[in-house]
Amino acid sequence: MSEQVSRDANTPEAPKARLSFLMVLPLIVFAGLAALFWFRLGNGDPSRIPSALIGHPAPQTPLPPLQGLVNEGAPVPGLDPAAFKGKVSIVNVWASWCIPCHDEAPLLTALGKDKRLQLIGINYKDAPDNARRFLGRYGNPFGVVGVDGNGRAAIEWGVYGVPETFVVGKDGVIAYKLVGPVTPDNIDTVLKAEIEKALKAGS
């Protein structure tokens, strides 16, 4: 009996089985790491992804204005990094083709009525006509709209995908980052809470 077992172990099937296992092993390791990363983020909640930019100055990324966009008859300016100094800023990265951006637009419009803040929009890889129609449909909450046509500014800001929203303190330092859309569930409990912290820190 033992001779038969020994003979079976040396058959060609044994090396094939070991080779198959070695080929599958990287997939098993990757799946394990992915699962760990998923749970470390809070069961896959992308809004929990930390930002390396928090606590650092807002990127110095000047952006041109959205041509043809006016507010009370005056052209809406593009993004000048100097705008971050002296006032708490809410920076929203958006696009007309972004479905969640449509959902959050009314909430940003309401937030824009808070005169303690300035809302800054970064329009990401969008067609100018579509961007203007988007703001015409929902109302423009932004005092500043910078056009990021090639996506380079979004890279500087560490954007994972649109929409994303940043709270920048009066000192020009990023205080908070919200990944994903502003929603009725997070605007009061998360975003406004972080805004109040930034306002108090700058007072």
C-alpha atoms as a PDB file:
ATOM      1  CA  MET A   1       0.000   0.000   0.000  1.00  0.00           C
ATOM      2  CA  SER A   2       2.756   2.435   0.928  1.00  0.00           C
ATOM      3  CA  GLU A   3       4.510   1.706  -2.345  1.00  0.00           C
ATOM      4  CA  GLN A   4       1.331   2.614  -4.238  1.00  0.00           C
ATOM      5  CA  VAL A   5       1.039   5.964  -2.377  1.00  0.00           C
ATOM      6  CA  SER A   6       4.673   6.765  -3.105  1.00  0.00           C
ATOM      7  CA  ARG A   7       4.190   6.016  -6.763  1.00  0.00           C
ATOM      8  CA  ASP A   8       1.093   8.276  -6.950  1.00  0.00           C
ATOM      9  CA  ALA A   9       2.992  11.185  -5.391  1.00  0.00           C
ATOM     10  CA  ASN A  10       5.518  11.066  -8.184  1.00  0.00           C
ATOM     11  CA  THR A  11       2.991  11.046 -11.000  1.00  0.00           C
ATOM     12  CA  PRO A  12       2.878  14.069 -13.389  1.00  0.00           C
ATOM     13  CA  GLU A  13      -0.334  15.270 -11.733  1.00  0.00           C
ATOM     14  CA  ALA A  14       1.467  16.317  -8.520  1.00  0.00           C
ATOM     15  CA  PRO A  15       3.705  19.012 -10.116  1.00  0.00           C
ATOM     16  CA  LYS A  16       0.695  20.300 -12.065  1.00  0.00           C
ATOM     17  CA  ALA A  17      -1.295  20.676  -8.850  1.00  0.00           C
ATOM     18  CA  ARG A  18       1.579  22.562  -7.202  1.00  0.00           C
ATOM     19  CA  LEU A  19       1.928  24.816 -10.258  1.00  0.00           C
ATOM     20  CA  SER A  20      -1.798  25.578 -10.267  1.00  0.00           C
ATOM     21  CA  PHE A  21      -1.665  26.490  -6.580  1.00  0.00           C
ATOM     22  CA  LEU A  22       1.302  28.821  -7.161  1.00  0.00           C
ATOM     23  CA  MET A  23      -0.570  30.521  -9.976  1.00  0.00           C
ATOM     24  CA  VAL A  24      -3.631  31.097  -7.778  1.00  0.00           C
ATOM     25  CA  LEU A  25      -1.656  32.192  -4.699  1.00  0.00           C
ATOM     26  CA  PRO A  26      -1.157  35.843  -5.826  1.00  0.00           C
ATOM     27  CA  LEU A  27      -4.896  36.146  -6.414  1.00  0.00           C
ATOM     28  CA  ILE A  28      -5.607  34.831  -2.921  1.00  0.00           C
ATOM     29  CA  VAL A  29      -3.139  37.308  -1.397  1.00  0.00           C
ATOM     30  CA  PHE A  30      -4.597  40.192  -3.445  1.00  0.00           C
ATOM     31  CA  ALA A  31      -8.159  39.284  -2.418  1.00  0.00           C
ATOM     32  CA  GLY A  32      -7.107  39.204   1.232  1.00  0.00           C
ATOM     33  CA  LEU A  33      -5.432  42.609   1.019  1.00  0.00           C
ATOM     34  CA  ALA A  34      -8.425  44.068  -0.824  1.00  0.00           C
ATOM     35  CA  ALA A  35     -10.777  42.770   1.863  1.00  0.00           C
ATOM     36  CA  LEU A  36      -8.575  44.230   4.603  1.00  0.00           C
ATOM     37  CA  PHE A  37      -8.452  47.596   2.849  1.00  0.00           C
ATOM     38  CA  TRP A  38     -12.235  47.512   2.397  1.00  0.00           C
ATOM     39  CA  PHE A  39     -12.911  46.967   6.094  1.00  0.00           C
ATOM     40  CA  ARG A  40     -10.221  49.434   7.186  1.00  0.00           C
ATOM     41  CA  LEU A  41     -12.086  52.106   5.241  1.00  0.00           C
ATOM     42  CA  GLY A  42     -15.272  51.446   7.161  1.00  0.00           C
ATOM     43  CA  ASN A  43     -16.902  48.706   5.131  1.00  0.00           C
ATOM     44  CA  GLY A  44     -16.080  50.330   1.831  1.00  0.00           C
ATOM     45  CA  ASP A  45     -17.245  53.861   2.574  1.00  0.00           C
ATOM     46  CA  PRO A  46     -15.121  56.003   0.218  1.00  0.00           C
ATOM     47  CA  SER A  47     -15.782  59.128   2.268  1.00  0.00           C
ATOM     48  CA  ARG A  48     -13.495  57.634   4.909  1.00  0.00           C
ATOM     49  CA  ILE A  49     -10.472  57.664   2.614  1.00  0.00           C
ATOM     50  CA  PRO A  50      -7.905  59.913   4.306  1.00  0.00           C
ATOM     51  CA  SER A  51      -6.316  62.759   2.387  1.00  0.00           C
ATOM     52  CA  ALA A  52      -2.583  63.379   2.563  1.00  0.00           C
ATOM     53  CA  LEU A  53      -3.338  67.078   1.945  1.00  0.00           C
ATOM     54  CA  ILE A  54      -5.249  67.655   5.190  1.00  0.00           C
ATOM     55  CA  GLY A  55      -3.177  69.999   7.311  1.00  0.00           C
ATOM     56  CA  HIS A  56      -1.289  71.274   4.268  1.00  0.00           C
ATOM     57  CA  PRO A  57      -1.778  74.468   2.237  1.00  0.00           C
ATOM     58  CA  ALA A  58      -4.263  74.309  -0.605  1.00  0.00           C
ATOM     59  CA  PRO A  59      -2.498  73.570  -3.902  1.00  0.00           C
ATOM     60  CA  GLN A  60      -1.275  76.633  -5.775  1.00  0.00           C
ATOM     61  CA  THR A  61      -3.225  75.829  -8.925  1.00  0.00           C
ATOM     62  CA  PRO A  62      -4.497  78.905 -10.767  1.00  0.00           C
ATOM     63  CA  LEU A  63      -7.315  78.016 -13.166  1.00  0.00           C
ATOM     64  CA  PRO A  64      -9.001  80.022 -15.922  1.00  0.00           C
ATOM     65  CA  PRO A  65     -12.634  81.107 -15.543  1.00  0.00           C
ATOM     66  CA  LEU A  66     -15.584  79.368 -17.163  1.00  0.00           C
ATOM     67  CA  GLN A  67     -16.057  81.595 -20.199  1.00  0.00           C
ATOM     68  CA  GLY A  68     -19.490  83.195 -20.461  1.00  0.00           C
ATOM     69  CA  LEU A  69     -20.425  82.593 -16.817  1.00  0.00           C
ATOM     70  CA  VAL A  70     -21.715  85.761 -15.180  1.00  0.00           C
ATOM     71  CA  ASN A  71     -23.145  86.689 -11.806  1.00  0.00           C
ATOM     72  CA  GLU A  72     -25.256  89.842 -11.548  1.00  0.00           C
ATOM     73  CA  GLY A  73     -23.849  90.998 -14.867  1.00  0.00           C
ATOM     74  CA  ALA A  74     -20.184  90.523 -13.903  1.00  0.00           C
ATOM     75  CA  PRO A  75     -17.959  87.660 -15.126  1.00  0.00           C
ATOM     76  CA  VAL A  76     -17.335  84.981 -12.501  1.00  0.00           C
ATOM     77  CA  PRO A  77     -13.568  84.849 -11.939  1.00  0.00           C
ATOM     78  CA  GLY A  78     -11.339  81.820 -12.298  1.00  0.00           C
ATOM     79  CA  LEU A  79      -9.346  80.355  -9.437  1.00  0.00           C
ATOM     80  CA  ASP A  80      -6.557  82.458  -7.976  1.00  0.00           C
ATOM     81  CA  PRO A  81      -4.858  80.626  -5.069  1.00  0.00           C
ATOM     82  CA  ALA A  82      -4.670  83.933  -3.204  1.00  0.00           C
ATOM     83  CA  ALA A  83      -8.457  83.680  -2.767  1.00  0.00           C
ATOM     84  CA  PHE A  84      -8.005  81.109   0.011  1.00  0.00           C
ATOM     85  CA  LYS A  85      -6.468  83.567   2.438  1.00  0.00           C
ATOM     86  CA  GLY A  86      -8.742  85.257   4.950  1.00  0.00           C
ATOM     87  CA  LYS A  87     -11.997  83.362   4.496  1.00  0.00           C
ATOM     88  CA  VAL A  88     -13.195  79.800   5.021  1.00  0.00           C
ATOM     89  CA  SER A  89     -13.575  78.264   1.571  1.00  0.00           C
ATOM     90  CA  ILE A  90     -15.604  75.299   0.375  1.00  0.00           C
ATOM     91  CA  VAL A  91     -13.993  73.852  -2.752  1.00  0.00           C
ATOM     92  CA  ASN A  92     -16.239  71.558  -4.782  1.00  0.00           C
ATOM     93  CA  VAL A  93     -14.887  69.522  -7.705  1.00  0.00           C
ATOM     94  CA  TRP A  94     -17.778  68.920 -10.096  1.00  0.00           C
ATOM     95  CA  ALA A  95     -18.822  68.263 -13.692  1.00  0.00           C
ATOM     96  CA  SER A  96     -22.097  68.407 -15.603  1.00  0.00           C
ATOM     97  CA  TRP A  97     -21.665  64.767 -16.697  1.00  0.00           C
ATOM     98  CA  CYS A  98     -21.352  63.634 -13.055  1.00  0.00           C
ATOM     99  CA  ILE A  99     -24.727  62.224 -11.926  1.00  0.00           C
ATOM    100  CA  PRO A 100     -24.108  62.679  -8.152  1.00  0.00           C
ATOM    101  CA  CYS A 101     -23.166  66.299  -8.862  1.00  0.00           C
ATOM    102  CA  HIS A 102     -26.754  66.911  -9.987  1.00  0.00           C
ATOM    103  CA  ASP A 103     -28.030  65.433  -6.724  1.00  0.00           C
ATOM    104  CA  GLU A 104     -25.813  67.592  -4.522  1.00  0.00           C
ATOM    105  CA  ALA A 105     -26.286  70.855  -6.471  1.00  0.00           C
ATOM    106  CA  PRO A 106     -29.350  72.107  -4.514  1.00  0.00           C
ATOM    107  CA  LEU A 107     -27.521  71.473  -1.230  1.00  0.00           C
ATOM    108  CA  LEU A 108     -24.523  73.486  -2.400  1.00  0.00           C
ATOM    109  CA  THR A 109     -26.826  76.272  -3.548  1.00  0.00           C
ATOM    110  CA  ALA A 110     -28.304  76.430  -0.042  1.00  0.00           C
ATOM    111  CA  LEU A 111     -24.831  76.305   1.509  1.00  0.00           C
ATOM    112  CA  GLY A 112     -23.744  79.184  -0.723  1.00  0.00           C
ATOM    113  CA  LYS A 113     -26.166  81.492   1.091  1.00  0.00           C
ATOM    114  CA  ASP A 114     -23.945  81.370   4.189  1.00  0.00           C
ATOM    115  CA  LYS A 115     -22.069  84.670   3.896  1.00  0.00           C
ATOM    116  CA  ARG A 116     -19.353  83.471   6.265  1.00  0.00           C
ATOM    117  CA  LEU A 117     -18.099  81.192   3.496  1.00  0.00           C
ATOM    118  CA  GLN A 118     -16.923  81.401  -0.073  1.00  0.00           C
ATOM    119  CA  LEU A 119     -17.755  78.545  -2.425  1.00  0.00           C
ATOM    120  CA  ILE A 120     -15.203  77.739  -5.090  1.00  0.00           C
ATOM    121  CA  GLY A 121     -15.969  75.370  -7.941  1.00  0.00           C
ATOM    122  CA  ILE A 122     -13.406  73.382  -9.886  1.00  0.00           C
ATOM    123  CA  ASN A 123     -15.082  72.292 -13.118  1.00  0.00           C
ATOM    124  CA  TYR A 124     -13.450  68.989 -14.059  1.00  0.00           C
ATOM    125  CA  LYS A 125     -12.958  67.883 -17.682  1.00  0.00           C
ATOM    126  CA  ASP A 126     -16.248  69.374 -18.816  1.00  0.00           C
ATOM    127  CA  ALA A 127     -17.602  71.039 -21.946  1.00  0.00           C
ATOM    128  CA  PRO A 128     -18.091  74.770 -21.237  1.00  0.00           C
ATOM    129  CA  ASP A 129     -21.625  74.842 -22.687  1.00  0.00           C
ATOM    130  CA  ASN A 130     -22.672  71.888 -20.563  1.00  0.00           C
ATOM    131  CA  ALA A 131     -21.098  73.401 -17.442  1.00  0.00           C
ATOM    132  CA  ARG A 132     -22.943  76.694 -17.961  1.00  0.00           C
ATOM    133  CA  ARG A 133     -26.237  74.866 -18.548  1.00  0.00           C
ATOM    134  CA  PHE A 134     -25.679  72.880 -15.358  1.00  0.00           C
ATOM    135  CA  LEU A 135     -25.227  76.050 -13.296  1.00  0.00           C
ATOM    136  CA  GLY A 136     -28.128  77.712 -15.070  1.00  0.00           C
ATOM    137  CA  ARG A 137     -30.379  74.806 -14.180  1.00  0.00           C
ATOM    138  CA  TYR A 138     -29.555  74.600 -10.470  1.00  0.00           C
ATOM    139  CA  GLY A 139     -28.258  78.080  -9.748  1.00  0.00           C
ATOM    140  CA  ASN A 140     -24.612  79.000  -9.346  1.00  0.00           C
ATOM    141  CA  PRO A 141     -23.482  78.779  -5.710  1.00  0.00           C
ATOM    142  CA  PHE A 142     -19.864  79.569  -6.605  1.00  0.00           C
ATOM    143  CA  GLY A 143     -18.208  82.965  -6.356  1.00  0.00           C
ATOM    144  CA  VAL A 144     -15.246  81.458  -8.197  1.00  0.00           C
ATOM    145  CA  VAL A 145     -15.232  78.786 -10.913  1.00  0.00           C
ATOM    146  CA  GLY A 146     -11.925  77.472 -12.211  1.00  0.00           C
ATOM    147  CA  VAL A 147     -11.844  75.241 -15.285  1.00  0.00           C
ATOM    148  CA  ASP A 148      -9.702  72.108 -14.970  1.00  0.00           C
ATOM    149  CA  GLY A 149      -9.893  71.011 -18.584  1.00  0.00           C
ATOM    150  CA  ASN A 150      -7.064  68.490 -18.509  1.00  0.00           C
ATOM    151  CA  GLY A 151      -7.499  67.231 -14.942  1.00  0.00           C
ATOM    152  CA  ARG A 152      -4.090  68.375 -13.702  1.00  0.00           C
ATOM    153  CA  ALA A 153      -5.509  70.499 -10.888  1.00  0.00           C
ATOM    154  CA  ALA A 154      -7.582  67.557  -9.669  1.00  0.00           C
ATOM    155  CA  ILE A 155      -4.392  65.524  -9.431  1.00  0.00           C
ATOM    156  CA  GLU A 156      -2.777  68.311  -7.394  1.00  0.00           C
ATOM    157  CA  TRP A 157      -5.778  68.263  -5.066  1.00  0.00           C
ATOM    158  CA  GLY A 158      -5.589  64.462  -4.720  1.00  0.00           C
ATOM    159  CA  VAL A 159      -9.060  63.942  -6.173  1.00  0.00           C
ATOM    160  CA  TYR A 160     -10.203  60.317  -6.457  1.00  0.00           C
ATOM    161  CA  GLY A 161     -13.271  61.163  -8.550  1.00  0.00           C
ATOM    162  CA  VAL A 162     -16.000  63.764  -8.841  1.00  0.00           C
ATOM    163  CA  PRO A 163     -17.659  65.056  -6.814  1.00  0.00           C
ATOM    164  CA  GLU A 164     -15.347  65.849  -3.935  1.00  0.00           C
ATOM    165  CA  THR A 165     -15.538  68.736  -1.492  1.00  0.00           C
ATOM    166  CA  PHE A 166     -12.809  70.368   0.589  1.00  0.00           C
ATOM    167  CA  VAL A 167     -12.966  72.720   3.549  1.00  0.00           C
ATOM    168  CA  VAL A 168     -10.085  75.205   3.485  1.00  0.00           C
ATOM    169  CA  GLY A 169      -9.448  77.351   6.557  1.00  0.00           C
ATOM    170  CA  LYS A 170      -8.807  81.087   6.644  1.00  0.00           C
ATOM    171  CA  ASP A 171      -5.100  80.327   6.715  1.00  0.00           C
ATOM    172  CA  GLY A 172      -5.347  78.587   3.341  1.00  0.00           C
ATOM    173  CA  VAL A 173      -4.795  75.143   4.874  1.00  0.00           C
ATOM    174  CA  ILE A 174      -7.015  72.188   3.952  1.00  0.00           C
ATOM    175  CA  ALA A 175      -8.998  71.195   7.031  1.00  0.00           C
ATOM    176  CA  TYR A 176     -11.284  68.468   5.659  1.00  0.00           C
ATOM    177  CA  LYS A 177     -12.071  66.446   2.558  1.00  0.00           C
ATOM    178  CA  LEU A 178     -15.385  64.802   1.686  1.00  0.00           C
ATOM    179  CA  VAL A 179     -15.112  62.079  -0.953  1.00  0.00           C
ATOM    180  CA  GLY A 180     -18.367  61.587  -2.842  1.00  0.00           C
ATOM    181  CA  PRO A 181     -21.437  63.807  -3.003  1.00  0.00           C
ATOM    182  CA  VAL A 182     -22.823  66.131  -0.386  1.00  0.00           C
ATOM    183  CA  THR A 183     -26.071  64.488   0.743  1.00  0.00           C
ATOM    184  CA  PRO A 184     -28.921  65.286   3.140  1.00  0.00           C
ATOM    185  CA  ASP A 185     -27.389  62.690   5.471  1.00  0.00           C
ATOM    186  CA  ASN A 186     -23.877  64.165   5.637  1.00  0.00           C
ATOM    187  CA  ILE A 187     -24.322  67.898   5.113  1.00  0.00           C
ATOM    188  CA  ASP A 188     -25.363  68.655   8.692  1.00  0.00           C
ATOM    189  CA  THR A 189     -23.639  65.882  10.604  1.00  0.00           C
ATOM    190  CA  VAL A 190     -20.333  65.959   8.714  1.00  0.00           C
ATOM    191  CA  LEU A 191     -19.753  68.862   6.336  1.00  0.00           C
ATOM    192  CA  LYS A 192     -21.336  71.679   8.345  1.00  0.00           C
ATOM    193  CA  ALA A 193     -19.679  70.360  11.500  1.00  0.00           C
ATOM    194  CA  GLU A 194     -16.278  70.593   9.805  1.00  0.00           C
ATOM    195  CA  ILE A 195     -17.120  74.052   8.479  1.00  0.00           C
ATOM    196  CA  GLU A 196     -17.948  75.249  11.990  1.00  0.00           C
ATOM    197  CA  LYS A 197     -14.626  73.897  13.243  1.00  0.00           C
ATOM    198  CA  ALA A 198     -12.816  75.818  10.513  1.00  0.00           C
ATOM    199  CA  LEU A 199     -14.740  79.009  11.325  1.00  0.00           C
ATOM    200  CA  LYS A 200     -13.910  78.733  15.016  1.00  0.00           C
ATOM    201  CA  ALA A 201     -10.268  77.951  14.300  1.00  0.00           C
ATOM    202  CA  GLY A 202      -9.959  81.109  12.271  1.00  0.00           C
ATOM    203  CA  SER A 203     -11.751  83.411  14.697  1.00  0.00           C
END
